[in-house]
Amino acid sequence: MNNDRTRRPTSARDRAEQLFKPAAPKPAAPPAKARPLPGTREMVTLRIDSEVLAYFQDGGPGWQDRINDALRHVAKVSSPDEGMKPDELNSSNDG
């Protein structure tokens, strides 16, 4: 009988290493979400009542801006342009 060939490891260290699997690497933390810049808009999907949508759309173009203004009013959030409308902006407003 040949003792050079053994089926099992002979050292205690080899036996211990067989019992443990290598540790799996920890998953990387998700990147932090960047804060939006002031005055920028984000595209979202929003479900609102059809009557509410019709009310704002009946006013013609700019209905999304009117919805945004109404939400700002209810949320008591000040407008980044402090109420200046595009047609009010001109060189006399520079200061």
PDB file of N, CA and C in Angstrom:
ATOM      1  N   MET A   1       0.825  -1.168   0.000  1.00  0.00           N
ATOM      2  CA  MET A   1       0.000   0.000   0.000  1.00  0.00           C
ATOM      3  C   MET A   1       0.871   1.232   0.000  1.00  0.00           C
ATOM      4  N   ASN A   2       0.513   2.173  -0.836  1.00  0.00           N
ATOM      5  CA  ASN A   2       1.325   3.366  -1.005  1.00  0.00           C
ATOM      6  C   ASN A   2       0.727   4.497  -0.174  1.00  0.00           C
ATOM      7  N   ASN A   3       1.496   5.007   0.795  1.00  0.00           N
ATOM      8  CA  ASN A   3       1.034   6.081   1.659  1.00  0.00           C
ATOM      9  C   ASN A   3       1.261   7.458   1.063  1.00  0.00           C
ATOM     10  N   ASP A   4       1.920   7.531  -0.095  1.00  0.00           N
ATOM     11  CA  ASP A   4       2.174   8.827  -0.711  1.00  0.00           C
ATOM     12  C   ASP A   4       0.877   9.442  -1.264  1.00  0.00           C
ATOM     13  N   ARG A   5      -0.063   8.600  -1.592  1.00  0.00           N
ATOM     14  CA  ARG A   5      -1.320   9.123  -2.133  1.00  0.00           C
ATOM     15  C   ARG A   5      -2.399   9.030  -1.065  1.00  0.00           C
ATOM     16  N   THR A   6      -2.806  10.165  -0.605  1.00  0.00           N
ATOM     17  CA  THR A   6      -3.909  10.173   0.350  1.00  0.00           C
ATOM     18  C   THR A   6      -5.044  10.993  -0.240  1.00  0.00           C
ATOM     19  N   ARG A   7      -6.220  10.619   0.080  1.00  0.00           N
ATOM     20  CA  ARG A   7      -7.376  11.328  -0.462  1.00  0.00           C
ATOM     21  C   ARG A   7      -7.711  12.569   0.351  1.00  0.00           C
ATOM     22  N   ARG A   8      -7.271  12.601   1.552  1.00  0.00           N
ATOM     23  CA  ARG A   8      -7.597  13.725   2.422  1.00  0.00           C
ATOM     24  C   ARG A   8      -6.322  14.494   2.760  1.00  0.00           C
ATOM     25  N   PRO A   9      -6.473  15.799   2.948  1.00  0.00           N
ATOM     26  CA  PRO A   9      -5.283  16.567   3.352  1.00  0.00           C
ATOM     27  C   PRO A   9      -4.801  16.095   4.722  1.00  0.00           C
ATOM     28  N   THR A  10      -3.526  16.138   4.889  1.00  0.00           N
ATOM     29  CA  THR A  10      -2.968  15.627   6.136  1.00  0.00           C
ATOM     30  C   THR A  10      -2.710  16.714   7.157  1.00  0.00           C
ATOM     31  N   SER A  11      -2.499  17.940   6.717  1.00  0.00           N
ATOM     32  CA  SER A  11      -2.201  18.975   7.711  1.00  0.00           C
ATOM     33  C   SER A  11      -3.498  19.595   8.231  1.00  0.00           C
ATOM     34  N   ALA A  12      -3.445  20.082   9.434  1.00  0.00           N
ATOM     35  CA  ALA A  12      -4.617  20.701  10.051  1.00  0.00           C
ATOM     36  C   ALA A  12      -5.031  21.955   9.279  1.00  0.00           C
ATOM     37  N   ARG A  13      -4.056  22.666   8.783  1.00  0.00           N
ATOM     38  CA  ARG A  13      -4.354  23.890   8.029  1.00  0.00           C
ATOM     39  C   ARG A  13      -5.113  23.556   6.741  1.00  0.00           C
ATOM     40  N   ASP A  14      -4.660  22.552   6.015  1.00  0.00           N
ATOM     41  CA  ASP A  14      -5.338  22.158   4.782  1.00  0.00           C
ATOM     42  C   ASP A  14      -6.770  21.703   5.079  1.00  0.00           C
ATOM     43  N   ARG A  15      -6.952  20.990   6.157  1.00  0.00           N
ATOM     44  CA  ARG A  15      -8.300  20.548   6.522  1.00  0.00           C
ATOM     45  C   ARG A  15      -9.179  21.743   6.875  1.00  0.00           C
ATOM     46  N   ALA A  16      -8.648  22.731   7.601  1.00  0.00           N
ATOM     47  CA  ALA A  16      -9.410  23.918   7.990  1.00  0.00           C
ATOM     48  C   ALA A  16      -9.781  24.752   6.768  1.00  0.00           C
ATOM     49  N   GLU A  17      -8.859  24.890   5.827  1.00  0.00           N
ATOM     50  CA  GLU A  17      -9.137  25.683   4.631  1.00  0.00           C
ATOM     51  C   GLU A  17     -10.231  25.051   3.773  1.00  0.00           C
ATOM     52  N   GLN A  18     -10.353  23.752   3.833  1.00  0.00           N
ATOM     53  CA  GLN A  18     -11.406  23.087   3.081  1.00  0.00           C
ATOM     54  C   GLN A  18     -12.786  23.388   3.652  1.00  0.00           C
ATOM     55  N   LEU A  19     -12.853  23.686   4.931  1.00  0.00           N
ATOM     56  CA  LEU A  19     -14.134  23.930   5.579  1.00  0.00           C
ATOM     57  C   LEU A  19     -14.711  25.310   5.259  1.00  0.00           C
ATOM     58  N   PHE A  20     -13.840  26.252   4.929  1.00  0.00           N
ATOM     59  CA  PHE A  20     -14.292  27.615   4.728  1.00  0.00           C
ATOM     60  C   PHE A  20     -14.249  28.004   3.252  1.00  0.00           C
ATOM     61  N   LYS A  21     -15.309  28.677   2.827  1.00  0.00           N
ATOM     62  CA  LYS A  21     -15.348  29.205   1.466  1.00  0.00           C
ATOM     63  C   LYS A  21     -14.757  30.612   1.502  1.00  0.00           C
ATOM     64  N   PRO A  22     -14.199  31.047   0.393  1.00  0.00           N
ATOM     65  CA  PRO A  22     -13.690  32.425   0.389  1.00  0.00           C
ATOM     66  C   PRO A  22     -14.848  33.406   0.592  1.00  0.00           C
ATOM     67  N   ALA A  23     -14.575  34.466   1.298  1.00  0.00           N
ATOM     68  CA  ALA A  23     -15.598  35.478   1.571  1.00  0.00           C
ATOM     69  C   ALA A  23     -15.977  36.187   0.280  1.00  0.00           C
ATOM     70  N   ALA A  24     -17.267  36.343   0.076  1.00  0.00           N
ATOM     71  CA  ALA A  24     -17.742  37.068  -1.109  1.00  0.00           C
ATOM     72  C   ALA A  24     -17.535  38.564  -0.881  1.00  0.00           C
ATOM     73  N   PRO A  25     -17.123  39.278  -1.904  1.00  0.00           N
ATOM     74  CA  PRO A  25     -16.934  40.722  -1.719  1.00  0.00           C
ATOM     75  C   PRO A  25     -18.266  41.406  -1.461  1.00  0.00           C
ATOM     76  N   LYS A  26     -18.249  42.431  -0.612  1.00  0.00           N
ATOM     77  CA  LYS A  26     -19.467  43.169  -0.311  1.00  0.00           C
ATOM     78  C   LYS A  26     -19.850  44.003  -1.526  1.00  0.00           C
ATOM     79  N   PRO A  27     -21.147  44.089  -1.823  1.00  0.00           N
ATOM     80  CA  PRO A  27     -21.556  44.917  -2.959  1.00  0.00           C
ATOM     81  C   PRO A  27     -21.264  46.390  -2.675  1.00  0.00           C
ATOM     82  N   ALA A  28     -20.906  47.097  -3.717  1.00  0.00           N
ATOM     83  CA  ALA A  28     -20.598  48.520  -3.558  1.00  0.00           C
ATOM     84  C   ALA A  28     -21.875  49.280  -3.214  1.00  0.00           C
ATOM     85  N   ALA A  29     -21.733  50.297  -2.406  1.00  0.00           N
ATOM     86  CA  ALA A  29     -22.881  51.129  -2.042  1.00  0.00           C
ATOM     87  C   ALA A  29     -23.359  51.881  -3.277  1.00  0.00           C
ATOM     88  N   PRO A  30     -24.677  52.053  -3.419  1.00  0.00           N
ATOM     89  CA  PRO A  30     -25.159  52.786  -4.595  1.00  0.00           C
ATOM     90  C   PRO A  30     -24.688  54.232  -4.528  1.00  0.00           C
ATOM     91  N   PRO A  31     -24.417  54.833  -5.686  1.00  0.00           N
ATOM     92  CA  PRO A  31     -23.941  56.221  -5.668  1.00  0.00           C
ATOM     93  C   PRO A  31     -25.024  57.142  -5.116  1.00  0.00           C
ATOM     94  N   ALA A  32     -24.589  58.169  -4.418  1.00  0.00           N
ATOM     95  CA  ALA A  32     -25.524  59.129  -3.842  1.00  0.00           C
ATOM     96  C   ALA A  32     -26.227  59.883  -4.965  1.00  0.00           C
ATOM     97  N   LYS A  33     -27.528  60.082  -4.805  1.00  0.00           N
ATOM     98  CA  LYS A  33     -28.300  60.794  -5.822  1.00  0.00           C
ATOM     99  C   LYS A  33     -27.946  62.281  -5.751  1.00  0.00           C
ATOM    100  N   ALA A  34     -27.628  62.831  -6.906  1.00  0.00           N
ATOM    101  CA  ALA A  34     -27.266  64.242  -6.962  1.00  0.00           C
ATOM    102  C   ALA A  34     -28.497  65.096  -6.708  1.00  0.00           C
ATOM    103  N   ARG A  35     -28.324  66.176  -5.980  1.00  0.00           N
ATOM    104  CA  ARG A  35     -29.428  67.092  -5.727  1.00  0.00           C
ATOM    105  C   ARG A  35     -29.672  67.912  -6.982  1.00  0.00           C
ATOM    106  N   PRO A  36     -30.933  68.130  -7.335  1.00  0.00           N
ATOM    107  CA  PRO A  36     -31.213  68.914  -8.538  1.00  0.00           C
ATOM    108  C   PRO A  36     -30.797  70.371  -8.358  1.00  0.00           C
ATOM    109  N   LEU A  37     -30.428  70.981  -9.452  1.00  0.00           N
ATOM    110  CA  LEU A  37     -30.068  72.393  -9.421  1.00  0.00           C
ATOM    111  C   LEU A  37     -31.317  73.232  -9.214  1.00  0.00           C
ATOM    112  N   PRO A  38     -31.205  74.347  -8.512  1.00  0.00           N
ATOM    113  CA  PRO A  38     -32.380  75.200  -8.316  1.00  0.00           C
ATOM    114  C   PRO A  38     -32.901  75.711  -9.659  1.00  0.00           C
ATOM    115  N   GLY A  39     -34.210  75.720  -9.796  1.00  0.00           N
ATOM    116  CA  GLY A  39     -34.816  76.245 -11.006  1.00  0.00           C
ATOM    117  C   GLY A  39     -34.898  75.254 -12.158  1.00  0.00           C
ATOM    118  N   THR A  40     -34.385  74.048 -11.986  1.00  0.00           N
ATOM    119  CA  THR A  40     -34.479  73.063 -13.053  1.00  0.00           C
ATOM    120  C   THR A  40     -35.760  72.268 -12.880  1.00  0.00           C
ATOM    121  N   ARG A  41     -36.188  71.656 -13.952  1.00  0.00           N
ATOM    122  CA  ARG A  41     -37.404  70.855 -13.907  1.00  0.00           C
ATOM    123  C   ARG A  41     -37.065  69.415 -14.213  1.00  0.00           C
ATOM    124  N   GLU A  42     -37.849  68.521 -13.651  1.00  0.00           N
ATOM    125  CA  GLU A  42     -37.664  67.096 -13.886  1.00  0.00           C
ATOM    126  C   GLU A  42     -38.899  66.535 -14.565  1.00  0.00           C
ATOM    127  N   MET A  43     -38.669  65.619 -15.503  1.00  0.00           N
ATOM    128  CA  MET A  43     -39.785  64.961 -16.153  1.00  0.00           C
ATOM    129  C   MET A  43     -40.281  63.848 -15.237  1.00  0.00           C
ATOM    130  N   VAL A  44     -41.580  63.856 -14.967  1.00  0.00           N
ATOM    131  CA  VAL A  44     -42.189  62.844 -14.120  1.00  0.00           C
ATOM    132  C   VAL A  44     -43.484  62.370 -14.762  1.00  0.00           C
ATOM    133  N   THR A  45     -43.951  61.240 -14.307  1.00  0.00           N
ATOM    134  CA  THR A  45     -45.282  60.769 -14.681  1.00  0.00           C
ATOM    135  C   THR A  45     -46.176  61.018 -13.484  1.00  0.00           C
ATOM    136  N   LEU A  46     -47.290  61.687 -13.727  1.00  0.00           N
ATOM    137  CA  LEU A  46     -48.173  62.086 -12.642  1.00  0.00           C
ATOM    138  C   LEU A  46     -49.595  61.696 -13.005  1.00  0.00           C
ATOM    139  N   ARG A  47     -50.285  61.041 -12.113  1.00  0.00           N
ATOM    140  CA  ARG A  47     -51.676  60.671 -12.350  1.00  0.00           C
ATOM    141  C   ARG A  47     -52.570  61.671 -11.619  1.00  0.00           C
ATOM    142  N   ILE A  48     -53.355  62.400 -12.399  1.00  0.00           N
ATOM    143  CA  ILE A  48     -54.297  63.354 -11.817  1.00  0.00           C
ATOM    144  C   ILE A  48     -55.671  63.101 -12.430  1.00  0.00           C
ATOM    145  N   ASP A  49     -56.694  63.598 -11.759  1.00  0.00           N
ATOM    146  CA  ASP A  49     -58.060  63.429 -12.251  1.00  0.00           C
ATOM    147  C   ASP A  49     -58.216  64.093 -13.608  1.00  0.00           C
ATOM    148  N   SER A  50     -59.014  63.480 -14.469  1.00  0.00           N
ATOM    149  CA  SER A  50     -59.210  64.026 -15.815  1.00  0.00           C
ATOM    150  C   SER A  50     -59.854  65.409 -15.769  1.00  0.00           C
ATOM    151  N   GLU A  51     -60.715  65.660 -14.783  1.00  0.00           N
ATOM    152  CA  GLU A  51     -61.342  66.975 -14.658  1.00  0.00           C
ATOM    153  C   GLU A  51     -60.304  68.052 -14.334  1.00  0.00           C
ATOM    154  N   VAL A  52     -59.345  67.706 -13.499  1.00  0.00           N
ATOM    155  CA  VAL A  52     -58.289  68.659 -13.142  1.00  0.00           C
ATOM    156  C   VAL A  52     -57.426  68.950 -14.362  1.00  0.00           C
ATOM    157  N   LEU A  53     -57.075  67.918 -15.095  1.00  0.00           N
ATOM    158  CA  LEU A  53     -56.276  68.096 -16.308  1.00  0.00           C
ATOM    159  C   LEU A  53     -57.022  68.961 -17.316  1.00  0.00           C
ATOM    160  N   ALA A  54     -58.306  68.683 -17.517  1.00  0.00           N
ATOM    161  CA  ALA A  54     -59.105  69.468 -18.465  1.00  0.00           C
ATOM    162  C   ALA A  54     -59.165  70.929 -18.047  1.00  0.00           C
ATOM    163  N   TYR A  55     -59.274  71.197 -16.754  1.00  0.00           N
ATOM    164  CA  TYR A  55     -59.319  72.569 -16.252  1.00  0.00           C
ATOM    165  C   TYR A  55     -58.069  73.347 -16.675  1.00  0.00           C
ATOM    166  N   PHE A  56     -56.904  72.748 -16.471  1.00  0.00           N
ATOM    167  CA  PHE A  56     -55.669  73.439 -16.812  1.00  0.00           C
ATOM    168  C   PHE A  56     -55.450  73.499 -18.318  1.00  0.00           C
ATOM    169  N   GLN A  57     -55.818  72.461 -19.036  1.00  0.00           N
ATOM    170  CA  GLN A  57     -55.625  72.451 -20.490  1.00  0.00           C
ATOM    171  C   GLN A  57     -56.590  73.394 -21.195  1.00  0.00           C
ATOM    172  N   ASP A  58     -57.754  73.650 -20.622  1.00  0.00           N
ATOM    173  CA  ASP A  58     -58.708  74.582 -21.227  1.00  0.00           C
ATOM    174  C   ASP A  58     -58.155  75.997 -21.310  1.00  0.00           C
ATOM    175  N   GLY A  59     -57.168  76.305 -20.507  1.00  0.00           N
ATOM    176  CA  GLY A  59     -56.542  77.632 -20.545  1.00  0.00           C
ATOM    177  C   GLY A  59     -55.580  77.795 -21.702  1.00  0.00           C
ATOM    178  N   GLY A  60     -55.362  76.761 -22.483  1.00  0.00           N
ATOM    179  CA  GLY A  60     -54.478  76.831 -23.642  1.00  0.00           C
ATOM    180  C   GLY A  60     -53.048  76.465 -23.305  1.00  0.00           C
ATOM    181  N   PRO A  61     -52.127  76.832 -24.209  1.00  0.00           N
ATOM    182  CA  PRO A  61     -50.715  76.509 -23.991  1.00  0.00           C
ATOM    183  C   PRO A  61     -50.213  77.060 -22.653  1.00  0.00           C
ATOM    184  N   GLY A  62     -49.294  76.340 -22.056  1.00  0.00           N
ATOM    185  CA  GLY A  62     -48.750  76.729 -20.759  1.00  0.00           C
ATOM    186  C   GLY A  62     -49.452  76.043 -19.595  1.00  0.00           C
ATOM    187  N   TRP A  63     -50.282  75.048 -19.910  1.00  0.00           N
ATOM    188  CA  TRP A  63     -51.034  74.377 -18.845  1.00  0.00           C
ATOM    189  C   TRP A  63     -50.127  73.671 -17.866  1.00  0.00           C
ATOM    190  N   GLN A  64     -48.977  73.165 -18.321  1.00  0.00           N
ATOM    191  CA  GLN A  64     -48.059  72.496 -17.386  1.00  0.00           C
ATOM    192  C   GLN A  64     -47.443  73.509 -16.423  1.00  0.00           C
ATOM    193  N   ASP A  65     -47.146  74.704 -16.940  1.00  0.00           N
ATOM    194  CA  ASP A  65     -46.618  75.762 -16.070  1.00  0.00           C
ATOM    195  C   ASP A  65     -47.669  76.171 -15.032  1.00  0.00           C
ATOM    196  N   ARG A  66     -48.937  76.231 -15.448  1.00  0.00           N
ATOM    197  CA  ARG A  66     -50.001  76.595 -14.509  1.00  0.00           C
ATOM    198  C   ARG A  66     -50.166  75.530 -13.424  1.00  0.00           C
ATOM    199  N   ILE A  67     -50.041  74.263 -13.804  1.00  0.00           N
ATOM    200  CA  ILE A  67     -50.100  73.201 -12.788  1.00  0.00           C
ATOM    201  C   ILE A  67     -48.924  73.345 -11.826  1.00  0.00           C
ATOM    202  N   ASN A  68     -47.746  73.614 -12.361  1.00  0.00           N
ATOM    203  CA  ASN A  68     -46.559  73.785 -11.514  1.00  0.00           C
ATOM    204  C   ASN A  68     -46.746  74.967 -10.565  1.00  0.00           C
ATOM    205  N   ASP A  69     -47.291  76.085 -11.086  1.00  0.00           N
ATOM    206  CA  ASP A  69     -47.529  77.261 -10.238  1.00  0.00           C
ATOM    207  C   ASP A  69     -48.538  76.948  -9.131  1.00  0.00           C
ATOM    208  N   ALA A  70     -49.603  76.208  -9.478  1.00  0.00           N
ATOM    209  CA  ALA A  70     -50.603  75.848  -8.474  1.00  0.00           C
ATOM    210  C   ALA A  70     -49.990  74.952  -7.395  1.00  0.00           C
ATOM    211  N   LEU A  71     -49.157  74.008  -7.809  1.00  0.00           N
ATOM    212  CA  LEU A  71     -48.505  73.130  -6.832  1.00  0.00           C
ATOM    213  C   LEU A  71     -47.531  73.915  -5.952  1.00  0.00           C
ATOM    214  N   ARG A  72     -46.811  74.855  -6.547  1.00  0.00           N
ATOM    215  CA  ARG A  72     -45.903  75.694  -5.756  1.00  0.00           C
ATOM    216  C   ARG A  72     -46.677  76.491  -4.711  1.00  0.00           C
ATOM    217  N   HIS A  73     -47.838  77.018  -5.122  1.00  0.00           N
ATOM    218  CA  HIS A  73     -48.662  77.811  -4.203  1.00  0.00           C
ATOM    219  C   HIS A  73     -49.127  76.955  -3.024  1.00  0.00           C
ATOM    220  N   VAL A  74     -49.629  75.758  -3.314  1.00  0.00           N
ATOM    221  CA  VAL A  74     -50.115  74.866  -2.257  1.00  0.00           C
ATOM    222  C   VAL A  74     -48.964  74.402  -1.364  1.00  0.00           C
ATOM    223  N   ALA A  75     -47.804  74.118  -1.975  1.00  0.00           N
ATOM    224  CA  ALA A  75     -46.652  73.640  -1.209  1.00  0.00           C
ATOM    225  C   ALA A  75     -45.925  74.782  -0.507  1.00  0.00           C
ATOM    226  N   LYS A  76     -46.357  76.021  -0.785  1.00  0.00           N
ATOM    227  CA  LYS A  76     -45.719  77.215  -0.195  1.00  0.00           C
ATOM    228  C   LYS A  76     -44.224  77.239  -0.496  1.00  0.00           C
ATOM    229  N   VAL A  77     -43.906  76.960  -1.777  1.00  0.00           N
ATOM    230  CA  VAL A  77     -42.527  76.983  -2.245  1.00  0.00           C
ATOM    231  C   VAL A  77     -42.369  78.205  -3.122  1.00  0.00           C
ATOM    232  N   SER A  78     -41.363  79.017  -2.828  1.00  0.00           N
ATOM    233  CA  SER A  78     -41.177  80.227  -3.628  1.00  0.00           C
ATOM    234  C   SER A  78     -40.605  79.869  -4.990  1.00  0.00           C
ATOM    235  N   SER A  79     -40.952  80.682  -5.959  1.00  0.00           N
ATOM    236  CA  SER A  79     -40.479  80.470  -7.322  1.00  0.00           C
ATOM    237  C   SER A  79     -39.029  80.914  -7.426  1.00  0.00           C
ATOM    238  N   PRO A  80     -38.195  80.177  -8.155  1.00  0.00           N
ATOM    239  CA  PRO A  80     -36.788  80.575  -8.265  1.00  0.00           C
ATOM    240  C   PRO A  80     -36.604  81.917  -8.966  1.00  0.00           C
ATOM    241  N   ASP A  81     -37.540  82.284  -9.856  1.00  0.00           N
ATOM    242  CA  ASP A  81     -37.427  83.575 -10.537  1.00  0.00           C
ATOM    243  C   ASP A  81     -38.260  84.648  -9.850  1.00  0.00           C
ATOM    244  N   GLU A  82     -38.835  84.336  -8.699  1.00  0.00           N
ATOM    245  CA  GLU A  82     -39.623  85.237  -7.874  1.00  0.00           C
ATOM    246  C   GLU A  82     -40.742  85.921  -8.646  1.00  0.00           C
ATOM    247  N   GLY A  83     -41.427  85.159  -9.459  1.00  0.00           N
ATOM    248  CA  GLY A  83     -42.609  85.654 -10.114  1.00  0.00           C
ATOM    249  C   GLY A  83     -42.404  86.356 -11.441  1.00  0.00           C
ATOM    250  N   MET A  84     -41.192  86.513 -11.909  1.00  0.00           N
ATOM    251  CA  MET A  84     -40.959  87.167 -13.189  1.00  0.00           C
ATOM    252  C   MET A  84     -41.362  86.229 -14.314  1.00  0.00           C
ATOM    253  N   LYS A  85     -42.233  86.686 -15.195  1.00  0.00           N
ATOM    254  CA  LYS A  85     -42.649  85.910 -16.353  1.00  0.00           C
ATOM    255  C   LYS A  85     -41.690  86.204 -17.508  1.00  0.00           C
ATOM    256  N   PRO A  86     -41.538  85.281 -18.454  1.00  0.00           N
ATOM    257  CA  PRO A  86     -40.610  85.515 -19.568  1.00  0.00           C
ATOM    258  C   PRO A  86     -40.876  86.808 -20.326  1.00  0.00           C
ATOM    259  N   ASP A  87     -42.141  87.195 -20.506  1.00  0.00           N
ATOM    260  CA  ASP A  87     -42.419  88.430 -21.233  1.00  0.00           C
ATOM    261  C   ASP A  87     -42.100  89.679 -20.415  1.00  0.00           C
ATOM    262  N   GLU A  88     -41.866  89.512 -19.106  1.00  0.00           N
ATOM    263  CA  GLU A  88     -41.488  90.639 -18.250  1.00  0.00           C
ATOM    264  C   GLU A  88     -39.980  90.845 -18.213  1.00  0.00           C
ATOM    265  N   LEU A  89     -39.222  89.888 -18.700  1.00  0.00           N
ATOM    266  CA  LEU A  89     -37.768  89.985 -18.658  1.00  0.00           C
ATOM    267  C   LEU A  89     -37.285  90.840 -19.829  1.00  0.00           C
ATOM    268  N   ASN A  90     -36.552  91.885 -19.526  1.00  0.00           N
ATOM    269  CA  ASN A  90     -35.920  92.713 -20.552  1.00  0.00           C
ATOM    270  C   ASN A  90     -34.744  93.433 -19.932  1.00  0.00           C
ATOM    271  N   SER A  91     -34.080  94.248 -20.705  1.00  0.00           N
ATOM    272  CA  SER A  91     -32.873  94.903 -20.205  1.00  0.00           C
ATOM    273  C   SER A  91     -33.157  95.885 -19.080  1.00  0.00           C
ATOM    274  N   SER A  92     -34.396  96.388 -18.954  1.00  0.00           N
ATOM    275  CA  SER A  92     -34.693  97.312 -17.860  1.00  0.00           C
ATOM    276  C   SER A  92     -34.746  96.596 -16.519  1.00  0.00           C
ATOM    277  N   ASN A  93     -34.796  95.247 -16.533  1.00  0.00           N
ATOM    278  CA  ASN A  93     -34.808  94.488 -15.281  1.00  0.00           C
ATOM    279  C   ASN A  93     -33.411  94.223 -14.759  1.00  0.00           C
ATOM    280  N   ASP A  94     -32.386  94.506 -15.569  1.00  0.00           N
ATOM    281  CA  ASP A  94     -31.010  94.272 -15.113  1.00  0.00           C
ATOM    282  C   ASP A  94     -30.704  95.253 -14.004  1.00  0.00           C
ATOM    283  N   GLY A  95     -30.015  94.759 -13.003  1.00  0.00           N
ATOM    284  CA  GLY A  95     -29.766  95.699 -11.919  1.00  0.00           C
ATOM    285  C   GLY A  95     -28.540  95.467 -11.204  1.00  0.00           C
TER     286      GLY A  95
END
